[in-house]
Amino acid sequence: MADADIVQNLTEAVENATETITGKKVPSTPEGMLVAYSSLVVMAMLPIFFGSMRSVTHQKHQKATGQKAETMTQSDAMMFPIIASGALFGLYLVFKIFSKDYINPMLTCYFFFLGVLALSHLLSPIIGKLIPSSIPNIPFHIHFTQGQGATKKDLIDYKFSSHDIVCLIISTVIGVWYLIQKHWIANNLLGIAFAVNGVELLQLNNIMTGLILLCGLFVYDIFWVFGTNVMVTVAKSFEAPIKLVFPQDIITNGLSASNFAMLGLGDIVIPGIFIALLLRFDNSLKRKSKTYFYATFTAYFLGLLTTILVMHLFKHAQPALLYLVPMCLGTPLLLALIKGDINVLFSYEDDPSKEGKKQSSEAKSSKNNKKKETKKAK
């Protein structure tokens, strides 16, 4: 669904129209379009860069505290495009049956709460550094349990600090701003928070999982954009901070501009989690450079520019993953072949025990089935 947002953006940009207060359409200026698309590219690159860096910190924290890493397995990656297709078509049917005037308020409230939490998580380390050390950071602990003795279990076990409360207040103010006015700046703040958190917290376990996921979504994207009108319909009806926007008429109309270029968060998060995996792979090599990360990060940038260029050249909406996936997959694979790291690349795993345990359980299950078959034969 994320690419539907860029589809809508591209279609609007091809028409080169901007809506004024009088409701008439006038051509967008080349300068305005350049500012809008340059801003979108920058806003897309920043969440991937900082989200990748935060994913390394998150992984180290998990290992240090002994937390179980929640990573996507190969079977999860195979199922993801199918589940995404079902969700997309389900939304399409909902918008066809019910008026979007009834659906969007519910979706807006839902994403308001998610956005406030995502923005709080994003701001937490920043606010922690900005608040003077003279102001104490008071810890709090909410702990609810059920039962006693052996039957006792935790219902809520949440630790936070006074700095986190400050983050929550700031995030709530921005969330209410979006809720009331749907202002594009508030939308972008929440959208960037979603993107950074997605790249940071959604972890692929290994390169093969990333290959399966990106190739699956490559096909998914092409089918739903070129094969049907489902994605475009949902994108035009869906009102939530699941896209980054920037006005093409900001030069003439300032902050009240209304003709937006858009980029779906899926075009940022999906390649972003793969690029973050490559950064963690670079760290595992213990080399001075982060070759795979920066090379693929640059490839993503070129893929995004290619998407915009092809759209303007052929004056037709383009699925962004059609260009981003080959660039983001081809670059590290070619680099690994040149550097002789191809075996190391495919053998790397964030959590070696996860796939190992799964293969072990599958092997045991296979052995048990063979034993049962042998007994029946006897």
Protein backbone atom coordinates (compact mmCIF):
# COMPACT_ATOMS: atom_id res chain seq x y z
CA MET A 1 0.00 0.00 0.00
CA ALA A 2 2.94 2.29 0.60
CA ASP A 3 3.73 2.49 -3.10
CA ALA A 4 0.22 3.62 -3.82
CA ASP A 5 1.16 6.88 -2.14
CA ILE A 6 4.03 7.44 -4.51
CA VAL A 7 1.75 6.40 -7.37
CA GLN A 8 -0.67 9.14 -6.39
CA ASN A 9 2.24 11.54 -6.07
CA LEU A 10 3.65 10.68 -9.44
CA THR A 11 0.30 10.99 -11.17
CA GLU A 12 -0.24 14.42 -9.67
CA ALA A 13 3.27 15.51 -10.60
CA VAL A 14 2.88 14.35 -14.19
CA GLU A 15 -0.24 16.47 -14.50
CA ASN A 16 1.91 19.39 -13.25
CA ALA A 17 -1.02 20.99 -11.51
CA THR A 18 -1.38 22.85 -8.27
CA GLU A 19 -4.61 23.88 -6.61
CA THR A 20 -4.99 27.49 -5.56
CA ILE A 21 -7.48 29.13 -3.23
CA THR A 22 -9.83 29.79 -6.14
CA GLY A 23 -9.88 26.08 -6.93
CA LYS A 24 -8.33 26.56 -10.39
CA LYS A 25 -5.40 24.51 -11.60
CA VAL A 26 -2.18 26.27 -12.59
CA PRO A 27 1.09 24.67 -13.72
CA SER A 28 3.62 23.83 -11.01
CA THR A 29 6.87 25.70 -11.37
CA PRO A 30 10.03 23.68 -12.07
CA GLU A 31 11.64 25.27 -9.01
CA GLY A 32 8.73 24.19 -6.79
CA MET A 33 8.86 20.62 -8.07
CA LEU A 34 12.63 20.52 -7.58
CA VAL A 35 12.29 21.69 -3.98
CA ALA A 36 9.48 19.19 -3.30
CA TYR A 37 11.23 16.14 -4.75
CA SER A 38 14.60 17.07 -3.25
CA SER A 39 12.95 17.37 0.16
CA LEU A 40 11.22 14.00 -0.23
CA VAL A 41 14.49 12.31 -1.18
CA VAL A 42 16.24 13.81 1.85
CA MET A 43 13.34 12.85 4.14
CA ALA A 44 13.52 9.30 2.78
CA MET A 45 17.27 8.99 3.27
CA LEU A 46 17.38 10.26 6.86
CA PRO A 47 15.13 7.57 8.43
CA ILE A 48 17.13 4.82 6.72
CA PHE A 49 20.46 6.23 7.89
CA PHE A 50 19.50 6.95 11.49
CA GLY A 51 17.19 3.93 11.74
CA SER A 52 20.07 1.68 10.64
CA MET A 53 22.38 3.21 13.23
CA ARG A 54 19.74 2.76 15.92
CA SER A 55 19.20 -0.87 14.85
CA VAL A 56 22.84 -1.58 15.73
CA THR A 57 22.36 -0.01 19.16
CA HIS A 58 19.11 -1.93 19.61
CA GLN A 59 20.81 -5.22 18.73
CA LYS A 60 23.64 -4.55 21.21
CA HIS A 61 21.10 -3.70 23.92
CA GLN A 62 19.23 -6.94 23.29
CA LYS A 63 22.41 -8.99 23.56
CA ALA A 64 23.55 -7.15 26.68
CA THR A 65 20.23 -7.61 28.48
CA GLY A 66 19.61 -11.12 27.22
CA GLN A 67 16.38 -10.12 25.47
CA LYS A 68 15.08 -12.44 22.79
CA ALA A 69 15.57 -10.88 19.36
CA GLU A 70 12.38 -10.61 17.30
CA THR A 71 13.60 -11.18 13.76
CA MET A 72 11.83 -12.06 10.54
CA THR A 73 12.44 -15.62 9.35
CA GLN A 74 12.40 -16.90 5.78
CA SER A 75 8.89 -18.32 6.18
CA ASP A 76 7.72 -14.94 7.52
CA ALA A 77 9.24 -13.23 4.47
CA MET A 78 7.47 -15.65 2.12
CA MET A 79 4.12 -14.99 3.74
CA PHE A 80 4.50 -11.21 3.99
CA PRO A 81 3.47 -10.30 0.39
CA ILE A 82 0.47 -12.65 0.64
CA ILE A 83 -0.67 -11.12 3.95
CA ALA A 84 -0.03 -7.60 2.59
CA SER A 85 -2.11 -8.41 -0.50
CA GLY A 86 -4.97 -9.65 1.67
CA ALA A 87 -4.84 -6.53 3.84
CA LEU A 88 -4.69 -4.24 0.80
CA PHE A 89 -7.63 -5.91 -0.93
CA GLY A 90 -9.56 -5.94 2.35
CA LEU A 91 -9.12 -2.18 2.69
CA TYR A 92 -10.16 -1.77 -0.94
CA LEU A 93 -13.42 -3.61 -0.26
CA VAL A 94 -14.03 -1.62 2.92
CA PHE A 95 -13.65 1.68 1.05
CA LYS A 96 -15.88 0.40 -1.74
CA ILE A 97 -18.65 -0.69 0.63
CA PHE A 98 -18.48 2.08 3.24
CA SER A 99 -17.90 5.80 2.85
CA LYS A 100 -14.36 6.96 3.62
CA ASP A 101 -15.95 9.68 5.78
CA TYR A 102 -16.78 6.93 8.31
CA ILE A 103 -13.63 4.83 7.92
CA ASN A 104 -10.95 7.53 7.99
CA PRO A 105 -11.84 8.98 11.44
CA MET A 106 -11.31 5.52 12.98
CA LEU A 107 -8.04 5.04 11.10
CA THR A 108 -6.90 8.54 12.09
CA CYS A 109 -7.50 7.83 15.80
CA TYR A 110 -5.69 4.50 15.54
CA PHE A 111 -2.63 6.04 13.86
CA PHE A 112 -2.75 8.97 16.29
CA PHE A 113 -2.00 6.65 19.23
CA LEU A 114 0.61 4.68 17.26
CA GLY A 115 2.21 7.91 16.06
CA VAL A 116 2.47 9.38 19.56
CA LEU A 117 4.21 6.23 20.82
CA ALA A 118 6.52 6.06 17.79
CA LEU A 119 7.46 9.74 18.10
CA SER A 120 8.08 9.34 21.86
CA HIS A 121 10.45 6.45 21.18
CA LEU A 122 12.24 8.50 18.52
CA LEU A 123 12.60 11.59 20.71
CA SER A 124 13.66 9.76 23.89
CA PRO A 125 17.46 9.76 23.33
CA ILE A 126 17.33 13.29 21.86
CA ILE A 127 15.38 14.78 24.77
CA GLY A 128 17.63 12.92 27.22
CA LYS A 129 20.64 14.77 25.83
CA LEU A 130 18.93 18.17 25.64
CA ILE A 131 17.65 18.23 29.23
CA PRO A 132 20.36 19.62 31.57
CA SER A 133 21.97 17.12 33.93
CA SER A 134 20.98 19.40 36.83
CA ILE A 135 17.37 18.32 36.29
CA PRO A 136 16.99 14.84 37.79
CA ASN A 137 15.72 11.98 35.65
CA ILE A 138 13.25 10.29 38.01
CA PRO A 139 12.58 6.60 37.30
CA PHE A 140 9.09 5.08 37.48
CA HIS A 141 7.93 1.48 37.40
CA ILE A 142 4.36 0.32 36.72
CA HIS A 143 3.97 -3.31 37.75
CA PHE A 144 0.65 -5.20 37.80
CA THR A 145 0.54 -8.89 38.60
CA GLN A 146 -2.14 -11.55 38.76
CA GLY A 147 -2.27 -14.45 41.23
CA GLN A 148 0.17 -15.48 43.94
CA GLY A 149 3.04 -17.90 44.35
CA ALA A 150 3.48 -20.35 41.48
CA THR A 151 0.46 -18.95 39.61
CA LYS A 152 1.69 -15.36 39.79
CA LYS A 153 2.21 -13.72 36.40
CA ASP A 154 2.98 -10.22 35.16
CA LEU A 155 0.22 -8.33 33.40
CA ILE A 156 2.06 -5.01 33.08
CA ASP A 157 5.75 -4.49 33.78
CA TYR A 158 6.78 -1.14 32.36
CA LYS A 159 9.70 1.09 33.36
CA PHE A 160 10.01 4.72 32.31
CA SER A 161 11.44 8.02 33.52
CA SER A 162 10.49 11.67 33.80
CA HIS A 163 12.35 12.29 30.52
CA ASP A 164 10.01 9.81 28.85
CA ILE A 165 7.03 11.76 30.19
CA VAL A 166 8.42 14.94 28.57
CA CYS A 167 8.74 13.04 25.26
CA LEU A 168 5.17 11.79 25.57
CA ILE A 169 3.84 15.30 26.19
CA ILE A 170 5.68 16.73 23.16
CA SER A 171 4.57 13.82 20.98
CA THR A 172 0.95 14.17 22.11
CA VAL A 173 0.94 17.87 21.20
CA ILE A 174 2.20 17.02 17.69
CA GLY A 175 -0.33 14.18 17.45
CA VAL A 176 -3.23 16.47 18.41
CA TRP A 177 -1.97 19.02 15.87
CA TYR A 178 -2.20 16.35 13.18
CA LEU A 179 -5.54 15.09 14.48
CA ILE A 180 -7.16 18.54 14.30
CA GLN A 181 -5.53 20.17 11.27
CA LYS A 182 -3.96 17.29 9.30
CA HIS A 183 -1.07 19.69 8.66
CA TRP A 184 1.62 18.32 6.37
CA ILE A 185 4.45 19.14 8.81
CA ALA A 186 2.74 17.18 11.60
CA ASN A 187 2.11 14.36 9.11
CA ASN A 188 5.80 14.26 8.24
CA LEU A 189 6.92 14.24 11.87
CA LEU A 190 4.72 11.23 12.59
CA GLY A 191 5.67 9.58 9.29
CA ILE A 192 9.40 9.96 9.94
CA ALA A 193 8.89 8.53 13.43
CA PHE A 194 7.14 5.47 11.93
CA ALA A 195 9.92 5.05 9.36
CA VAL A 196 12.81 5.33 11.83
CA ASN A 197 11.15 2.93 14.28
CA GLY A 198 10.40 0.50 11.46
CA VAL A 199 14.00 0.39 10.24
CA GLU A 200 15.29 0.16 13.82
CA LEU A 201 12.96 -2.50 15.22
CA LEU A 202 12.00 -4.68 12.21
CA GLN A 203 15.02 -6.94 11.86
CA LEU A 204 15.74 -9.43 9.09
CA ASN A 205 17.65 -12.44 10.37
CA ASN A 206 19.88 -12.99 7.33
CA ILE A 207 20.51 -11.96 3.74
CA MET A 208 18.42 -14.79 2.26
CA THR A 209 15.41 -13.60 4.26
CA GLY A 210 15.95 -10.12 2.83
CA LEU A 211 16.19 -11.50 -0.71
CA ILE A 212 12.92 -13.42 -0.31
CA LEU A 213 11.11 -10.42 1.21
CA LEU A 214 12.27 -7.86 -1.35
CA CYS A 215 11.68 -10.16 -4.34
CA GLY A 216 8.20 -11.01 -3.06
CA LEU A 217 7.29 -7.36 -2.59
CA PHE A 218 8.82 -6.56 -5.99
CA VAL A 219 6.20 -8.83 -7.61
CA TYR A 220 3.50 -7.59 -5.21
CA ASP A 221 4.19 -3.97 -6.10
CA ILE A 222 4.15 -4.49 -9.87
CA PHE A 223 0.93 -6.56 -9.76
CA TRP A 224 -1.10 -4.19 -7.59
CA VAL A 225 0.09 -1.04 -9.41
CA PHE A 226 0.11 -2.16 -13.05
CA GLY A 227 -2.41 -5.02 -12.85
CA THR A 228 -5.26 -3.38 -10.91
CA ASN A 229 -6.51 -0.05 -9.60
CA VAL A 230 -6.70 -1.40 -6.03
CA MET A 231 -3.57 0.24 -4.68
CA VAL A 232 -4.30 3.64 -6.21
CA THR A 233 -7.89 3.56 -4.93
CA VAL A 234 -6.82 2.72 -1.39
CA ALA A 235 -4.08 5.36 -1.42
CA LYS A 236 -6.45 8.09 -2.52
CA SER A 237 -9.00 7.10 0.13
CA PHE A 238 -6.64 6.34 3.04
CA GLU A 239 -5.96 9.33 5.31
CA ALA A 240 -3.16 8.56 7.78
CA PRO A 241 0.50 9.53 8.32
CA ILE A 242 1.72 6.55 6.27
CA LYS A 243 3.42 8.78 3.72
CA LEU A 244 5.79 11.73 3.59
CA VAL A 245 4.52 14.79 1.76
CA PHE A 246 5.97 18.07 0.59
CA PRO A 247 4.12 20.87 -1.24
CA GLN A 248 5.21 21.63 -4.79
CA ASP A 249 3.75 25.13 -4.46
CA ILE A 250 5.56 26.07 -1.25
CA ILE A 251 7.53 28.81 -3.02
CA THR A 252 4.34 30.60 -4.05
CA ASN A 253 1.97 29.68 -1.22
CA GLY A 254 4.30 29.13 1.74
CA LEU A 255 3.30 26.77 4.57
CA SER A 256 -0.34 26.90 3.48
CA ALA A 257 0.55 25.22 0.17
CA SER A 258 -1.73 22.37 -0.87
CA ASN A 259 -0.37 20.56 -3.96
CA PHE A 260 1.68 17.74 -2.48
CA ALA A 261 4.29 15.37 -3.78
CA MET A 262 4.15 12.13 -1.78
CA LEU A 263 6.31 9.14 -0.92
CA GLY A 264 4.89 6.06 0.83
CA LEU A 265 6.60 4.81 4.00
CA GLY A 266 6.83 1.31 2.53
CA ASP A 267 9.29 2.64 -0.04
CA ILE A 268 11.49 3.69 2.88
CA VAL A 269 11.03 0.97 5.50
CA ILE A 270 11.18 -2.14 3.25
CA PRO A 271 14.54 -1.30 1.62
CA GLY A 272 15.60 0.33 4.90
CA ILE A 273 15.45 -2.86 6.99
CA PHE A 274 17.61 -4.61 4.39
CA ILE A 275 20.14 -1.76 4.39
CA ALA A 276 20.17 -1.85 8.22
CA LEU A 277 20.96 -5.58 8.04
CA LEU A 278 23.94 -4.78 5.82
CA LEU A 279 25.21 -2.28 8.39
CA ARG A 280 25.07 -4.98 11.08
CA PHE A 281 26.85 -7.31 8.64
CA ASP A 282 29.55 -4.67 8.13
CA ASN A 283 30.01 -4.47 11.89
CA SER A 284 30.35 -8.26 12.12
CA LEU A 285 33.25 -8.14 9.65
CA LYS A 286 35.11 -5.85 12.08
CA ARG A 287 36.60 -3.79 9.27
CA LYS A 288 37.28 -0.08 9.44
CA SER A 289 34.86 0.75 6.60
CA LYS A 290 31.11 0.19 6.26
CA THR A 291 31.34 -0.65 2.56
CA TYR A 292 28.15 -2.66 2.12
CA PHE A 293 26.02 -0.20 4.04
CA TYR A 294 27.19 2.95 2.26
CA ALA A 295 27.21 1.30 -1.18
CA THR A 296 23.61 0.08 -0.83
CA PHE A 297 22.55 3.34 0.81
CA THR A 298 23.85 5.15 -2.28
CA ALA A 299 22.13 2.60 -4.55
CA TYR A 300 18.82 3.34 -2.79
CA PHE A 301 19.34 7.05 -3.47
CA LEU A 302 19.97 6.37 -7.17
CA GLY A 303 16.96 4.05 -7.34
CA LEU A 304 14.72 6.76 -5.90
CA LEU A 305 16.01 9.28 -8.44
CA THR A 306 15.44 6.74 -11.22
CA THR A 307 11.81 6.29 -10.13
CA ILE A 308 11.16 10.03 -10.33
CA LEU A 309 13.03 10.37 -13.64
CA VAL A 310 11.18 7.49 -15.35
CA MET A 311 7.86 8.82 -14.14
CA HIS A 312 8.48 12.22 -15.67
CA LEU A 313 9.96 10.73 -18.82
CA PHE A 314 7.07 8.36 -19.60
CA LYS A 315 4.38 10.42 -17.84
CA HIS A 316 3.01 7.32 -16.14
CA ALA A 317 2.82 6.22 -12.52
CA GLN A 318 5.65 3.87 -11.47
CA PRO A 319 5.91 1.39 -8.56
CA ALA A 320 9.00 2.54 -6.67
CA LEU A 321 10.11 -0.98 -5.64
CA LEU A 322 10.43 -1.82 -9.34
CA TYR A 323 13.62 0.28 -9.29
CA LEU A 324 14.60 0.18 -5.62
CA VAL A 325 14.69 -3.63 -5.25
CA PRO A 326 17.16 -4.36 -8.11
CA MET A 327 19.40 -1.52 -6.93
CA CYS A 328 19.34 -2.55 -3.26
CA LEU A 329 19.83 -6.27 -3.97
CA GLY A 330 22.20 -6.06 -6.91
CA THR A 331 24.67 -3.67 -5.28
CA PRO A 332 25.67 -5.75 -2.19
CA LEU A 333 25.66 -9.03 -4.16
CA LEU A 334 27.92 -7.62 -6.87
CA LEU A 335 30.17 -6.03 -4.25
CA ALA A 336 30.40 -9.33 -2.35
CA LEU A 337 31.40 -11.16 -5.54
CA ILE A 338 34.11 -8.61 -6.26
CA LYS A 339 35.46 -8.62 -2.68
CA GLY A 340 35.15 -12.40 -2.28
CA ASP A 341 32.67 -12.08 0.61
CA ILE A 342 29.74 -13.90 -0.99
CA ASN A 343 29.91 -16.95 1.31
CA VAL A 344 30.38 -14.79 4.40
CA LEU A 345 27.48 -12.58 3.31
CA PHE A 346 25.04 -15.49 2.97
CA SER A 347 26.21 -17.21 6.13
CA TYR A 348 25.74 -14.12 8.33
CA GLU A 349 22.81 -14.20 10.75
CA ASP A 350 21.68 -11.65 13.34
CA ASP A 351 20.42 -14.46 15.57
CA PRO A 352 22.08 -17.74 14.54
CA SER A 353 20.01 -19.73 17.03
CA LYS A 354 16.69 -18.77 15.43
CA GLU A 355 17.11 -20.44 12.05
CA GLY A 356 19.20 -23.17 13.66
CA LYS A 357 16.45 -24.09 16.13
CA LYS A 358 13.88 -24.08 13.36
CA GLN A 359 15.96 -26.37 11.15
CA SER A 360 16.65 -28.64 14.12
CA SER A 361 12.94 -28.95 14.94
CA GLU A 362 12.15 -29.65 11.28
CA ALA A 363 14.87 -32.33 11.19
CA LYS A 364 13.52 -33.96 14.37
CA SER A 365 10.01 -33.90 12.96
CA SER A 366 11.25 -35.55 9.76
CA LYS A 367 13.06 -38.26 11.72
CA ASN A 368 9.96 -38.96 13.84
CA ASN A 369 7.82 -39.27 10.72
CA LYS A 370 10.32 -41.72 9.21
CA LYS A 371 10.30 -43.81 12.40
CA LYS A 372 6.49 -43.94 12.36
CA GLU A 373 6.51 -45.00 8.72
CA THR A 374 9.08 -47.73 9.48
CA LYS A 375 6.97 -49.07 12.35
CA LYS A 376 3.87 -49.16 10.18
CA ALA A 377 5.78 -51.01 7.46
CA LYS A 378 6.89 -53.66 10.00
